[in-house]
Amino acid sequence: MTDSARLVQNNWNCVQEAVQAAADGSHWKQEVQVIGVSKYVDAPQTNLLVQAGCQELGENRPQFLWEKFDWFAQEQSTQPQWHMIGHLQRNKVRRTLPMLKMIHSVDSLRLAKTLEDEAAKIKRRIAILAEVNVTQDNSKTGMPESELSPFLEQIADMPHLELRGLMAMSTHFAGGDQARTEFARVRELRDRLQAAFPQFDLRELSMGMSGDFREAILEGATLVRIGSSLWEGIR
């Protein structure tokens, strides 16, 4: 094992232990899936993380996903499971959609309609999360809370989209208490939507990154998107 592979393996093990410890301490006792964010590294480095045991990978930009997907197709016998966690432009949906297990960042009805159309063409259902912005940070993507109910009403008639929950980020550099408050708000919003729209199974909450995944898990996150801790070490 090379030094780089050993470092990634150690980081992966430490992240797994920290995530499990947070889950054990959570009132919700949920299972938590780590989505390894590979935007920081190239395809061979990403493969070190896959070899370490991380089979669920997240990318922020479609172009980087395309490059890595093609690399794995050529160089490895199997593909990891890919998640789109950044903004997905509608003109990139057709090429990107067949590569994905889940899209965390559906932030508009226009994008949802494009996904529905393209998923219908390839005869598959795609798992999605509705991205919501519960912060006061206008630089963050995501729908305001007020748009969620109308959004769910519309996608209820889109048979190729499988809505599984919500995705959110906390305020940049938020302290632990503020992050927990914001994540709790997302969980409470999900619960209200689940009660109002029982036809959906909104089991997933994609919340938390390297700096705040513990707070997110304590407030019910089921998916955590971790990048820098896997490459630089956990703090």
Protein backbone atom coordinates (compact mmCIF):
# COMPACT_ATOMS: atom_id res chain seq x y z
CA MET A 1 0.00 0.00 0.00
CA THR A 2 1.38 3.41 -0.96
CA ASP A 3 1.62 6.27 1.51
CA SER A 4 -1.26 8.04 -0.27
CA ALA A 5 -3.45 4.97 -0.10
CA ARG A 6 -2.60 4.48 3.57
CA LEU A 7 -3.50 8.10 4.36
CA VAL A 8 -6.85 7.87 2.56
CA GLN A 9 -7.62 4.56 4.25
CA ASN A 10 -6.89 6.04 7.66
CA ASN A 11 -9.00 9.12 6.94
CA TRP A 12 -11.89 6.96 5.74
CA ASN A 13 -11.72 4.82 8.88
CA CYS A 14 -11.65 7.91 11.11
CA VAL A 15 -14.61 9.47 9.33
CA GLN A 16 -16.59 6.25 9.61
CA GLU A 17 -15.87 6.06 13.34
CA ALA A 18 -16.85 9.71 13.90
CA VAL A 19 -20.07 9.31 11.93
CA GLN A 20 -21.00 6.18 13.85
CA ALA A 21 -20.25 7.85 17.18
CA ALA A 22 -22.52 10.77 16.24
CA ALA A 23 -25.26 8.40 15.10
CA ASP A 24 -25.01 6.44 18.34
CA GLY A 25 -25.47 9.70 20.24
CA SER A 26 -28.41 10.87 18.18
CA HIS A 27 -31.93 10.74 19.53
CA TRP A 28 -33.09 9.52 16.12
CA LYS A 29 -30.92 6.36 15.99
CA GLN A 30 -30.85 6.55 12.20
CA GLU A 31 -28.52 4.84 9.78
CA VAL A 32 -26.14 7.37 8.24
CA GLN A 33 -24.54 7.00 4.80
CA VAL A 34 -21.31 8.86 4.03
CA ILE A 35 -21.18 10.39 0.57
CA GLY A 36 -17.50 10.87 -0.21
CA VAL A 37 -17.04 14.18 -2.01
CA SER A 38 -14.39 13.80 -4.69
CA LYS A 39 -14.36 17.31 -6.16
CA TYR A 40 -10.99 17.99 -4.56
CA VAL A 41 -9.07 15.24 -6.36
CA ASP A 42 -8.55 13.52 -9.70
CA ALA A 43 -9.88 10.12 -10.74
CA PRO A 44 -6.90 7.96 -9.60
CA GLN A 45 -6.98 9.65 -6.19
CA THR A 46 -10.74 9.12 -6.04
CA ASN A 47 -10.11 5.45 -6.69
CA LEU A 48 -8.00 5.28 -3.52
CA LEU A 49 -11.12 6.26 -1.59
CA VAL A 50 -13.17 3.62 -3.39
CA GLN A 51 -10.52 1.02 -2.57
CA ALA A 52 -10.65 2.15 1.06
CA GLY A 53 -14.34 1.23 1.15
CA CYS A 54 -16.32 4.31 0.08
CA GLN A 55 -18.70 3.24 -2.68
CA GLU A 56 -20.97 6.32 -2.67
CA LEU A 57 -19.34 9.39 -4.24
CA GLY A 58 -20.61 12.93 -4.69
CA GLU A 59 -19.61 15.49 -7.31
CA ASN A 60 -20.47 19.20 -7.46
CA ARG A 61 -19.93 19.77 -11.18
CA PRO A 62 -21.20 17.60 -14.02
CA GLN A 63 -17.99 17.99 -16.03
CA PHE A 64 -15.91 16.48 -13.21
CA LEU A 65 -18.41 13.66 -12.87
CA TRP A 66 -18.20 12.89 -16.59
CA GLU A 67 -14.40 12.72 -16.45
CA LYS A 68 -14.35 10.38 -13.46
CA PHE A 69 -17.17 8.21 -14.72
CA ASP A 70 -15.29 7.69 -18.00
CA TRP A 71 -12.05 6.96 -16.13
CA PHE A 72 -13.68 4.28 -13.99
CA ALA A 73 -15.34 2.78 -17.07
CA GLN A 74 -11.94 2.44 -18.75
CA GLU A 75 -9.68 1.63 -15.81
CA GLN A 76 -11.79 -0.31 -13.29
CA SER A 77 -14.15 -3.26 -13.44
CA THR A 78 -16.95 -1.53 -11.54
CA GLN A 79 -18.30 1.99 -11.07
CA PRO A 80 -18.92 3.55 -7.68
CA GLN A 81 -22.40 4.95 -7.05
CA TRP A 82 -22.51 8.60 -8.10
CA HIS A 83 -24.49 11.41 -6.47
CA MET A 84 -24.89 14.91 -7.89
CA ILE A 85 -24.60 17.26 -4.92
CA GLY A 86 -24.03 20.58 -6.71
CA HIS A 87 -26.12 22.70 -9.01
CA LEU A 88 -27.14 20.81 -12.14
CA GLN A 89 -27.81 22.96 -15.18
CA ARG A 90 -30.69 21.81 -17.32
CA ASN A 91 -28.57 21.65 -20.47
CA LYS A 92 -26.33 19.07 -18.76
CA VAL A 93 -29.12 16.78 -17.56
CA ARG A 94 -29.23 14.51 -20.63
CA ARG A 95 -25.58 13.49 -20.41
CA THR A 96 -25.42 13.36 -16.62
CA LEU A 97 -28.62 11.57 -15.67
CA PRO A 98 -27.66 8.02 -16.78
CA MET A 99 -24.57 8.14 -14.56
CA LEU A 100 -26.39 8.97 -11.33
CA LYS A 101 -27.86 7.08 -8.42
CA MET A 102 -29.32 10.20 -6.80
CA ILE A 103 -29.54 13.95 -7.31
CA HIS A 104 -29.41 15.85 -4.01
CA SER A 105 -29.67 19.33 -5.47
CA VAL A 106 -33.02 19.66 -7.24
CA ASP A 107 -33.61 23.34 -6.57
CA SER A 108 -36.38 24.34 -8.99
CA LEU A 109 -39.49 23.07 -10.70
CA ARG A 110 -37.88 23.80 -14.09
CA LEU A 111 -35.04 21.41 -13.30
CA ALA A 112 -37.50 18.79 -12.07
CA LYS A 113 -39.46 18.99 -15.32
CA THR A 114 -36.28 18.54 -17.36
CA LEU A 115 -35.28 15.55 -15.24
CA GLU A 116 -38.72 14.03 -15.70
CA ASP A 117 -38.55 14.44 -19.47
CA GLU A 118 -35.06 12.95 -19.78
CA ALA A 119 -35.75 10.11 -17.34
CA ALA A 120 -38.84 9.19 -19.36
CA LYS A 121 -36.74 8.99 -22.52
CA ILE A 122 -34.38 6.44 -21.00
CA LYS A 123 -37.19 4.63 -19.17
CA ARG A 124 -35.89 4.88 -15.64
CA ARG A 125 -36.81 6.46 -12.33
CA ILE A 126 -34.27 8.71 -10.64
CA ALA A 127 -34.06 9.33 -6.91
CA ILE A 128 -34.01 13.02 -6.04
CA LEU A 129 -33.87 15.30 -3.03
CA ALA A 130 -35.40 18.76 -2.94
CA GLU A 131 -32.76 21.31 -1.96
CA VAL A 132 -34.02 23.89 0.53
CA ASN A 133 -32.31 27.01 1.86
CA VAL A 134 -33.30 27.64 5.48
CA THR A 135 -30.50 30.15 6.11
CA GLN A 136 -30.39 33.89 5.57
CA ASP A 137 -27.47 33.42 3.17
CA ASN A 138 -28.58 34.45 -0.31
CA SER A 139 -25.41 32.98 -1.82
CA LYS A 140 -26.62 29.47 -1.05
CA THR A 141 -28.70 27.55 -3.53
CA GLY A 142 -31.98 25.88 -2.72
CA MET A 143 -35.65 26.72 -2.65
CA PRO A 144 -37.13 28.83 0.13
CA GLU A 145 -39.40 26.94 2.50
CA SER A 146 -42.48 28.60 0.99
CA GLU A 147 -41.86 26.90 -2.36
CA LEU A 148 -41.66 23.34 -1.07
CA SER A 149 -45.36 22.51 -0.86
CA PRO A 150 -46.15 23.78 -4.38
CA PHE A 151 -43.07 21.91 -5.62
CA LEU A 152 -44.28 18.62 -4.14
CA GLU A 153 -47.75 19.16 -5.58
CA GLN A 154 -46.22 19.45 -9.05
CA ILE A 155 -43.79 16.54 -8.92
CA ALA A 156 -46.47 14.23 -7.59
CA ASP A 157 -47.47 14.02 -11.26
CA MET A 158 -43.95 13.19 -12.48
CA PRO A 159 -43.75 9.38 -12.40
CA HIS A 160 -40.05 9.16 -13.25
CA LEU A 161 -38.94 11.19 -10.22
CA GLU A 162 -38.71 9.47 -6.84
CA LEU A 163 -38.58 12.17 -4.18
CA ARG A 164 -36.87 10.79 -1.10
CA GLY A 165 -36.38 13.82 1.13
CA LEU A 166 -34.55 17.11 1.51
CA MET A 167 -31.02 18.43 1.14
CA ALA A 168 -29.67 21.53 2.91
CA MET A 169 -26.53 23.35 4.01
CA SER A 170 -25.99 25.36 7.15
CA THR A 171 -24.83 28.96 7.17
CA HIS A 172 -21.15 29.26 6.21
CA PHE A 173 -18.96 29.23 9.34
CA ALA A 174 -22.00 28.73 11.55
CA GLY A 175 -21.21 27.68 15.09
CA GLY A 176 -22.41 24.37 16.44
CA ASP A 177 -25.60 25.71 18.02
CA GLN A 178 -26.59 27.68 14.93
CA ALA A 179 -25.91 24.72 12.65
CA ARG A 180 -27.99 22.43 14.85
CA THR A 181 -30.85 24.93 14.88
CA GLU A 182 -30.82 25.15 11.08
CA PHE A 183 -30.60 21.39 10.62
CA ALA A 184 -33.45 20.89 13.09
CA ARG A 185 -35.50 23.32 11.04
CA VAL A 186 -34.92 21.19 7.94
CA ARG A 187 -35.95 18.03 9.78
CA GLU A 188 -39.12 19.70 11.08
CA LEU A 189 -39.91 20.94 7.57
CA ARG A 190 -39.47 17.41 6.22
CA ASP A 191 -41.82 16.07 8.90
CA ARG A 192 -44.51 18.61 8.01
CA LEU A 193 -44.18 17.80 4.32
CA GLN A 194 -44.37 14.07 5.04
CA ALA A 195 -47.60 14.58 6.94
CA ALA A 196 -49.07 16.74 4.17
CA PHE A 197 -47.91 14.48 1.31
CA PRO A 198 -48.16 10.86 2.52
CA GLN A 199 -47.74 9.58 -1.05
CA PHE A 200 -44.02 10.36 -0.76
CA ASP A 201 -41.50 8.50 1.40
CA LEU A 202 -39.31 11.35 2.58
CA ARG A 203 -36.88 9.22 4.53
CA GLU A 204 -33.65 11.00 3.57
CA LEU A 205 -32.08 14.15 4.98
CA SER A 206 -28.85 15.11 3.21
CA MET A 207 -27.29 17.51 5.70
CA GLY A 208 -23.80 18.14 6.99
CA MET A 209 -20.31 18.35 5.57
CA SER A 210 -16.82 17.99 7.04
CA GLY A 211 -17.24 20.95 9.38
CA ASP A 212 -20.72 20.20 10.70
CA PHE A 213 -21.64 16.58 10.04
CA ARG A 214 -21.84 15.77 13.75
CA GLU A 215 -24.42 18.51 14.31
CA ALA A 216 -26.35 17.34 11.25
CA ILE A 217 -26.45 13.73 12.44
CA LEU A 218 -27.63 14.80 15.89
CA GLU A 219 -30.55 16.51 14.14
CA GLY A 220 -31.50 13.55 11.97
CA ALA A 221 -29.25 13.54 8.88
CA THR A 222 -29.23 10.24 7.02
CA LEU A 223 -26.74 11.31 4.33
CA VAL A 224 -23.62 13.37 5.06
CA ARG A 225 -21.49 14.84 2.28
CA ILE A 226 -17.87 14.69 3.44
CA GLY A 227 -14.90 15.84 1.38
CA SER A 228 -11.97 17.59 3.02
CA SER A 229 -11.89 15.27 6.05
CA LEU A 230 -11.30 12.34 3.71
CA TRP A 231 -8.37 14.00 2.00
CA GLU A 232 -6.85 16.19 4.72
CA GLY A 233 -7.85 14.33 7.85
CA ILE A 234 -10.69 14.75 10.31
CA ARG A 235 -10.76 17.65 12.76
